[in-house]
Amino acid sequence: MSKTKLFLTIAGALCAVGLVLSAVSFSCMGFDIKKISASPQLEEKSYSVNAEEITEINIHSEELKIRLVPTSGSEIQVHYSEGEQYSCEISAENGMLSVDFKNRARWFDTFRYGIFKDFNFVDRQILVEVPADYSGAVRLHNENAPIRVNDVSLKNLECQTSNSAIEIENATAEKVSAITSNGSVSLIGVTSADQLIAKNSNGAIRSIDIQAADATINTSNGSVSLEAMKIDTLNTSNSNGKISLKNVAASESLSAVTSNGAIQVDRLSGTDLSLRTSNGKVSGTIAGKESDYGIIANTTNGSNNLEGRIAQSDKILTISNSNGGIHITFTEQ
């Protein structure tokens, strides 16, 4: 037997022995993968304050999920964990509740606690519970971890993170903002009396059942999907991604701009509609009659079923494209 084959045989045997020993050890732990974690111990804690004393909640976290949910009580409650690597500073002064959660892990902790220390065996999070009638402002700022908000009615709601998702569902506020990068933004059942802002990069934005006065929705390298939306004005933009508008109604103006991606509309309606892309198709349906709109539609290197439709009307539809076709029909011919 050659030396190479001998070495390979020995290596294979050692690997087999290692797998057997690992399986035996794992079985001794009752096949509970949580027991292999060497993470430092965390102590569960809670903080409560009378909601009547608070007009603004400001939460900051690093690498820890933030959740905001309603409660039937009269107090704002913050549930969190502290330990050697994690610290939380909380204060309630001058009407502001501030929570600052910090990850104090050091570079050598990986060697102290092993490669399994960051496995998400425990649902580590900051859970903020607010009374159903709380109407103050809430600011949630995170880094490298998601933010989730459910079933609240507030004055203002501001969510910002990075490298993670933002999910807002059944929320009402005068102003709503959701800003992330390298993650996704999901807005479902959100009502904003004033301004709605959703921004992302390298990720998708999806919204369903939205009402807002003024909406700005921007991303790149991901899709924009807006469905069942009633707004006064909407400005949405993308690059290297598709824009989909389904049952979106803009009482004043709507602008959808992308590049290297298609624009798909389904029963889109509005007073002043502008659709612009390049290297992608513009297609779908506009709610109403074709005669309701003054139409300007231009493209290059593609077919155009609205060519030469310039006319005067109370409503305006402008479509611009390059290296892609235009195919738009109207629900009432």
Protein backbone atom coordinates (compact mmCIF):
# COMPACT_ATOMS: atom_id res chain seq x y z
CA MET A 1 0.00 0.00 0.00
CA SER A 2 1.37 3.41 -0.91
CA LYS A 3 1.96 6.10 1.72
CA THR A 4 -0.82 8.26 0.27
CA LYS A 5 -3.38 5.47 0.53
CA LEU A 6 -2.17 4.64 4.04
CA PHE A 7 -2.61 8.26 5.17
CA LEU A 8 -6.07 8.44 3.60
CA THR A 9 -7.07 5.18 5.28
CA ILE A 10 -5.89 6.41 8.68
CA ALA A 11 -7.62 9.79 8.21
CA GLY A 12 -10.85 8.08 7.21
CA ALA A 13 -10.68 5.79 10.23
CA LEU A 14 -10.10 8.73 12.58
CA CYS A 15 -13.05 10.61 11.07
CA ALA A 16 -15.26 7.55 11.52
CA VAL A 17 -14.18 7.19 15.15
CA GLY A 18 -14.87 10.91 15.71
CA LEU A 19 -18.36 10.61 14.25
CA VAL A 20 -19.12 7.60 16.44
CA LEU A 21 -17.89 9.38 19.58
CA SER A 22 -19.92 12.49 18.65
CA ALA A 23 -23.05 10.39 18.13
CA VAL A 24 -22.56 8.63 21.48
CA SER A 25 -22.02 11.97 23.27
CA PHE A 26 -25.06 13.49 21.58
CA SER A 27 -27.21 10.53 22.62
CA CYS A 28 -26.00 10.90 26.21
CA MET A 29 -27.40 14.46 26.14
CA GLY A 30 -30.79 13.17 25.05
CA PHE A 31 -30.23 14.42 21.49
CA ASP A 32 -30.79 17.97 22.79
CA ILE A 33 -28.71 20.27 20.56
CA LYS A 34 -29.13 23.14 23.02
CA LYS A 35 -26.82 21.39 25.46
CA ILE A 36 -23.81 21.77 23.18
CA SER A 37 -24.04 25.55 23.44
CA ALA A 38 -21.36 27.08 25.61
CA SER A 39 -22.99 30.51 25.65
CA PRO A 40 -22.64 32.57 28.84
CA GLN A 41 -25.66 32.46 31.12
CA LEU A 42 -28.28 35.19 30.76
CA GLU A 43 -30.60 36.49 33.46
CA GLU A 44 -34.16 37.31 32.45
CA LYS A 45 -35.28 40.75 33.63
CA SER A 46 -38.26 43.10 33.31
CA TYR A 47 -38.83 46.82 33.68
CA SER A 48 -42.21 48.53 34.05
CA VAL A 49 -43.35 52.14 33.97
CA ASN A 50 -46.77 53.80 34.00
CA ALA A 51 -47.69 54.57 30.40
CA GLU A 52 -49.24 57.90 31.42
CA GLU A 53 -45.75 59.16 32.32
CA ILE A 54 -44.26 58.34 28.90
CA THR A 55 -44.74 60.22 25.63
CA GLU A 56 -41.80 58.69 23.76
CA ILE A 57 -40.13 55.27 23.73
CA ASN A 58 -36.60 54.99 22.38
CA ILE A 59 -35.11 51.49 22.02
CA HIS A 60 -31.58 50.79 20.77
CA SER A 61 -30.13 47.31 20.40
CA GLU A 62 -27.15 45.53 18.93
CA GLU A 63 -27.61 42.09 17.38
CA LEU A 64 -30.79 41.40 19.31
CA LYS A 65 -34.32 41.14 17.99
CA ILE A 66 -36.74 43.91 18.99
CA ARG A 67 -40.48 43.20 19.26
CA LEU A 68 -43.22 45.73 19.98
CA VAL A 69 -46.65 44.35 20.91
CA PRO A 70 -49.77 45.54 22.77
CA THR A 71 -50.73 44.58 26.30
CA SER A 72 -53.99 44.78 28.23
CA GLY A 73 -52.35 46.44 31.23
CA SER A 74 -51.72 50.12 31.95
CA GLU A 75 -47.92 49.88 32.11
CA ILE A 76 -45.21 49.81 29.50
CA GLN A 77 -43.15 46.70 30.11
CA VAL A 78 -39.70 45.86 28.77
CA HIS A 79 -38.54 42.25 28.96
CA TYR A 80 -34.86 41.56 28.30
CA SER A 81 -31.83 39.50 29.34
CA GLU A 82 -28.51 40.50 30.83
CA GLY A 83 -25.27 38.63 31.24
CA GLU A 84 -21.52 38.87 30.99
CA GLN A 85 -21.67 39.73 27.29
CA TYR A 86 -24.93 41.67 27.27
CA SER A 87 -25.88 44.79 29.21
CA CYS A 88 -29.02 46.91 29.24
CA GLU A 89 -29.39 50.49 30.46
CA ILE A 90 -32.94 51.71 31.07
CA SER A 91 -34.17 55.12 32.16
CA ALA A 92 -37.51 56.92 32.28
CA GLU A 93 -37.06 60.68 32.54
CA ASN A 94 -38.90 63.75 31.24
CA GLY A 95 -41.50 61.64 29.48
CA MET A 96 -38.97 59.47 27.61
CA LEU A 97 -38.37 55.78 28.16
CA SER A 98 -34.88 54.90 26.90
CA VAL A 99 -33.55 51.37 26.53
CA ASP A 100 -29.97 50.86 25.37
CA PHE A 101 -28.94 47.24 24.93
CA LYS A 102 -25.28 46.57 24.17
CA ASN A 103 -23.35 43.51 23.11
CA ARG A 104 -20.11 43.60 25.09
CA ALA A 105 -18.62 40.47 23.53
CA ARG A 106 -14.86 40.57 23.02
CA TRP A 107 -12.90 39.05 20.18
CA PHE A 108 -11.52 36.23 22.34
CA ASP A 109 -14.96 35.15 23.60
CA THR A 110 -15.26 32.93 20.55
CA PHE A 111 -12.38 30.89 21.94
CA ARG A 112 -13.78 30.99 25.49
CA TYR A 113 -17.28 29.79 24.60
CA GLY A 114 -16.66 27.90 21.40
CA ILE A 115 -18.04 28.07 17.89
CA PHE A 116 -21.59 27.28 19.08
CA LYS A 117 -21.97 30.39 21.26
CA ASP A 118 -23.92 32.30 18.60
CA PHE A 119 -26.36 29.52 17.73
CA ASN A 120 -29.87 30.89 18.25
CA PHE A 121 -30.97 28.21 20.69
CA VAL A 122 -32.71 30.83 22.82
CA ASP A 123 -35.06 33.44 21.36
CA ARG A 124 -32.96 36.38 22.49
CA GLN A 125 -34.93 39.57 22.17
CA ILE A 126 -36.11 42.79 23.70
CA LEU A 127 -39.87 42.53 24.10
CA VAL A 128 -41.66 45.85 24.56
CA GLU A 129 -45.31 45.74 25.59
CA VAL A 130 -47.39 48.91 25.38
CA PRO A 131 -51.00 49.44 26.50
CA ALA A 132 -53.54 49.30 23.72
CA ASP A 133 -54.41 52.98 24.26
CA TYR A 134 -50.81 54.23 24.29
CA SER A 135 -50.48 56.95 21.65
CA GLY A 136 -46.93 58.22 22.07
CA ALA A 137 -43.97 58.03 19.71
CA VAL A 138 -41.82 54.91 19.36
CA ARG A 139 -38.32 54.72 17.88
CA LEU A 140 -36.74 51.31 17.41
CA HIS A 141 -33.09 51.31 16.27
CA ASN A 142 -31.24 48.06 15.80
CA GLU A 143 -28.05 46.70 14.31
CA ASN A 144 -27.73 43.31 12.61
CA ALA A 145 -31.03 42.03 13.99
CA PRO A 146 -34.71 42.18 13.00
CA ILE A 147 -37.53 44.44 14.20
CA ARG A 148 -41.14 43.32 14.44
CA VAL A 149 -44.17 45.47 15.35
CA ASN A 150 -47.72 44.18 15.76
CA ASP A 151 -51.14 45.66 16.54
CA VAL A 152 -50.31 49.14 17.84
CA SER A 153 -51.70 52.65 17.42
CA LEU A 154 -49.11 55.37 17.95
CA LYS A 155 -48.27 58.97 17.20
CA ASN A 156 -45.10 58.14 15.28
CA LEU A 157 -43.37 54.83 14.56
CA GLU A 158 -39.74 54.73 13.44
CA CYS A 159 -37.96 51.43 12.76
CA GLN A 160 -34.37 51.21 11.56
CA THR A 161 -31.96 48.28 11.39
CA SER A 162 -29.27 46.76 9.18
CA ASN A 163 -28.63 43.33 7.68
CA SER A 164 -32.05 42.17 8.91
CA ALA A 165 -35.77 42.37 8.27
CA ILE A 166 -38.42 44.81 9.44
CA GLU A 167 -42.01 43.58 9.80
CA ILE A 168 -44.86 45.94 10.70
CA GLU A 169 -48.38 44.53 10.86
CA ASN A 170 -51.67 46.17 11.86
CA ALA A 171 -50.16 49.48 12.93
CA THR A 172 -51.54 53.03 12.85
CA ALA A 173 -49.49 56.22 13.25
CA GLU A 174 -49.26 59.73 11.88
CA LYS A 175 -45.79 58.93 10.53
CA VAL A 176 -44.32 55.50 9.85
CA SER A 177 -40.78 54.74 8.68
CA ALA A 178 -39.06 51.42 8.06
CA ILE A 179 -35.43 51.56 6.96
CA THR A 180 -33.00 48.66 6.55
CA SER A 181 -30.31 47.23 4.31
CA ASN A 182 -29.50 43.70 3.22
CA GLY A 183 -32.83 42.55 4.59
CA SER A 184 -36.51 42.83 3.73
CA VAL A 185 -39.33 45.21 4.65
CA SER A 186 -42.86 43.88 5.11
CA LEU A 187 -45.79 46.24 5.79
CA ILE A 188 -49.25 44.73 6.27
CA GLY A 189 -52.31 46.64 7.40
CA VAL A 190 -50.46 49.91 8.04
CA THR A 191 -52.23 53.28 8.18
CA SER A 192 -50.35 56.58 8.19
CA ALA A 193 -52.25 59.83 8.42
CA ASP A 194 -49.23 61.78 7.21
CA GLN A 195 -46.09 60.13 5.83
CA LEU A 196 -45.04 56.56 5.15
CA ILE A 197 -41.38 55.84 4.36
CA ALA A 198 -39.91 52.44 3.48
CA LYS A 199 -36.29 52.24 2.35
CA ASN A 200 -34.01 49.31 1.67
CA SER A 201 -30.94 48.32 -0.27
CA ASN A 202 -30.16 44.83 -1.48
CA GLY A 203 -33.55 43.60 -0.37
CA ALA A 204 -37.26 43.46 -1.14
CA ILE A 205 -40.10 45.69 0.03
CA ARG A 206 -43.60 44.21 0.25
CA SER A 207 -46.77 45.95 1.38
CA ILE A 208 -50.42 44.90 1.57
CA ASP A 209 -53.45 46.95 2.67
CA ILE A 210 -51.80 50.34 3.15
CA GLN A 211 -53.36 53.77 3.63
CA ALA A 212 -51.23 56.91 3.71
CA ALA A 213 -51.24 60.55 2.70
CA ASP A 214 -47.72 60.58 1.28
CA ALA A 215 -45.66 57.42 0.67
CA THR A 216 -42.01 57.04 -0.34
CA ILE A 217 -40.84 53.49 -1.04
CA ASN A 218 -37.32 52.89 -2.38
CA THR A 219 -35.00 49.90 -2.73
CA SER A 220 -32.27 48.44 -4.92
CA ASN A 221 -31.32 44.94 -6.01
CA GLY A 222 -34.67 43.63 -4.82
CA SER A 223 -38.34 43.73 -5.74
CA VAL A 224 -41.04 46.24 -4.77
CA SER A 225 -44.49 44.71 -4.39
CA LEU A 226 -47.37 47.01 -3.39
CA GLU A 227 -50.93 45.68 -3.12
CA ALA A 228 -54.24 47.18 -1.98
CA MET A 229 -52.85 50.65 -1.35
CA LYS A 230 -54.77 53.94 -1.02
CA ILE A 231 -52.61 57.05 -0.97
CA ASP A 232 -52.59 60.67 -2.02
CA THR A 233 -49.06 60.63 -3.45
CA LEU A 234 -46.65 57.75 -4.00
CA ASN A 235 -43.03 57.86 -5.08
CA THR A 236 -41.43 54.44 -5.48
CA SER A 237 -38.09 53.66 -7.06
CA ASN A 238 -35.85 50.67 -7.60
CA SER A 239 -32.72 49.68 -9.44
CA ASN A 240 -31.97 46.23 -10.74
CA GLY A 241 -35.38 45.04 -9.65
CA LYS A 242 -39.06 44.78 -10.49
CA ILE A 243 -41.91 47.02 -9.34
CA SER A 244 -45.37 45.46 -8.97
CA LEU A 245 -48.44 47.63 -8.28
CA LYS A 246 -51.73 45.81 -7.68
CA ASN A 247 -54.94 47.65 -6.81
CA VAL A 248 -52.97 50.79 -5.97
CA ALA A 249 -55.00 54.02 -6.02
CA ALA A 250 -53.32 57.45 -5.91
CA SER A 251 -55.73 60.35 -5.59
CA GLU A 252 -53.07 62.90 -6.58
CA SER A 253 -49.87 61.51 -8.14
CA LEU A 254 -47.87 58.32 -8.49
CA SER A 255 -44.33 57.85 -9.77
CA ALA A 256 -42.75 54.41 -10.25
CA VAL A 257 -39.16 54.37 -11.52
CA THR A 258 -36.78 51.43 -11.93
CA SER A 259 -33.98 50.18 -14.14
CA ASN A 260 -33.06 46.71 -15.30
CA GLY A 261 -36.46 45.54 -14.18
CA ALA A 262 -40.08 45.36 -15.26
CA ILE A 263 -43.05 47.39 -14.04
CA GLN A 264 -46.21 45.32 -13.64
CA VAL A 265 -49.53 47.03 -12.82
CA ASP A 266 -52.92 45.53 -12.05
CA ARG A 267 -55.92 47.89 -11.83
CA LEU A 268 -53.70 50.86 -11.12
CA SER A 269 -55.57 54.16 -10.77
CA GLY A 270 -54.73 57.78 -10.15
CA THR A 271 -54.90 61.34 -11.37
CA ASP A 272 -51.28 61.64 -12.48
CA LEU A 273 -49.50 58.32 -13.17
CA SER A 274 -45.87 58.08 -14.26
CA LEU A 275 -44.15 54.75 -15.02
CA ARG A 276 -40.51 54.69 -16.12
CA THR A 277 -38.01 51.88 -16.60
CA SER A 278 -35.23 50.58 -18.82
CA ASN A 279 -34.29 47.08 -19.88
CA GLY A 280 -37.66 45.80 -18.75
CA LYS A 281 -41.29 45.63 -19.81
CA VAL A 282 -44.16 47.89 -18.67
CA SER A 283 -47.39 45.89 -18.71
CA GLY A 284 -50.73 45.35 -17.01
CA THR A 285 -54.05 47.12 -16.53
CA ILE A 286 -55.21 50.63 -15.63
CA ALA A 287 -58.57 50.99 -13.86
CA GLY A 288 -61.07 53.00 -15.89
CA LYS A 289 -61.48 54.02 -19.51
CA GLU A 290 -58.67 54.82 -21.90
CA SER A 291 -60.46 58.05 -22.76
CA ASP A 292 -60.13 59.14 -19.12
CA TYR A 293 -56.39 59.66 -19.58
CA GLY A 294 -54.15 61.87 -21.58
CA ILE A 295 -51.50 59.32 -22.55
CA ILE A 296 -47.84 59.83 -23.42
CA ALA A 297 -46.07 56.51 -23.95
CA ASN A 298 -42.61 56.19 -25.48
CA THR A 299 -40.14 53.33 -25.77
CA THR A 300 -37.15 52.23 -27.80
CA ASN A 301 -36.26 48.74 -28.95
CA GLY A 302 -39.66 47.39 -27.96
CA SER A 303 -43.31 47.22 -28.95
CA ASN A 304 -45.77 49.88 -27.74
CA ASN A 305 -49.54 49.39 -27.87
CA LEU A 306 -50.12 52.99 -26.67
CA GLU A 307 -48.02 54.70 -29.32
CA GLY A 308 -49.45 58.01 -30.55
CA ARG A 309 -52.08 58.31 -27.81
CA ILE A 310 -51.35 61.92 -26.83
CA ALA A 311 -54.61 63.60 -25.84
CA GLN A 312 -56.02 66.13 -23.39
CA SER A 313 -57.75 64.84 -20.25
CA ASP A 314 -58.14 65.52 -16.54
CA LYS A 315 -55.98 62.47 -15.83
CA ILE A 316 -52.45 61.84 -17.09
CA LEU A 317 -50.64 58.59 -17.83
CA THR A 318 -46.96 58.87 -18.76
CA ILE A 319 -44.89 55.81 -19.62
CA SER A 320 -41.23 55.89 -20.61
CA ASN A 321 -39.08 52.89 -21.44
CA SER A 322 -35.94 51.88 -23.26
CA ASN A 323 -34.97 48.41 -24.42
CA GLY A 324 -38.38 47.10 -23.43
CA GLY A 325 -41.99 46.95 -24.53
CA ILE A 326 -45.14 48.71 -23.36
CA HIS A 327 -48.40 46.80 -23.19
CA ILE A 328 -51.14 48.45 -21.14
CA THR A 329 -54.89 47.79 -21.30
CA PHE A 330 -57.81 49.47 -19.52
CA THR A 331 -60.47 47.70 -17.47
CA GLU A 332 -63.25 49.66 -19.21
CA GLN A 333 -62.78 49.82 -22.96
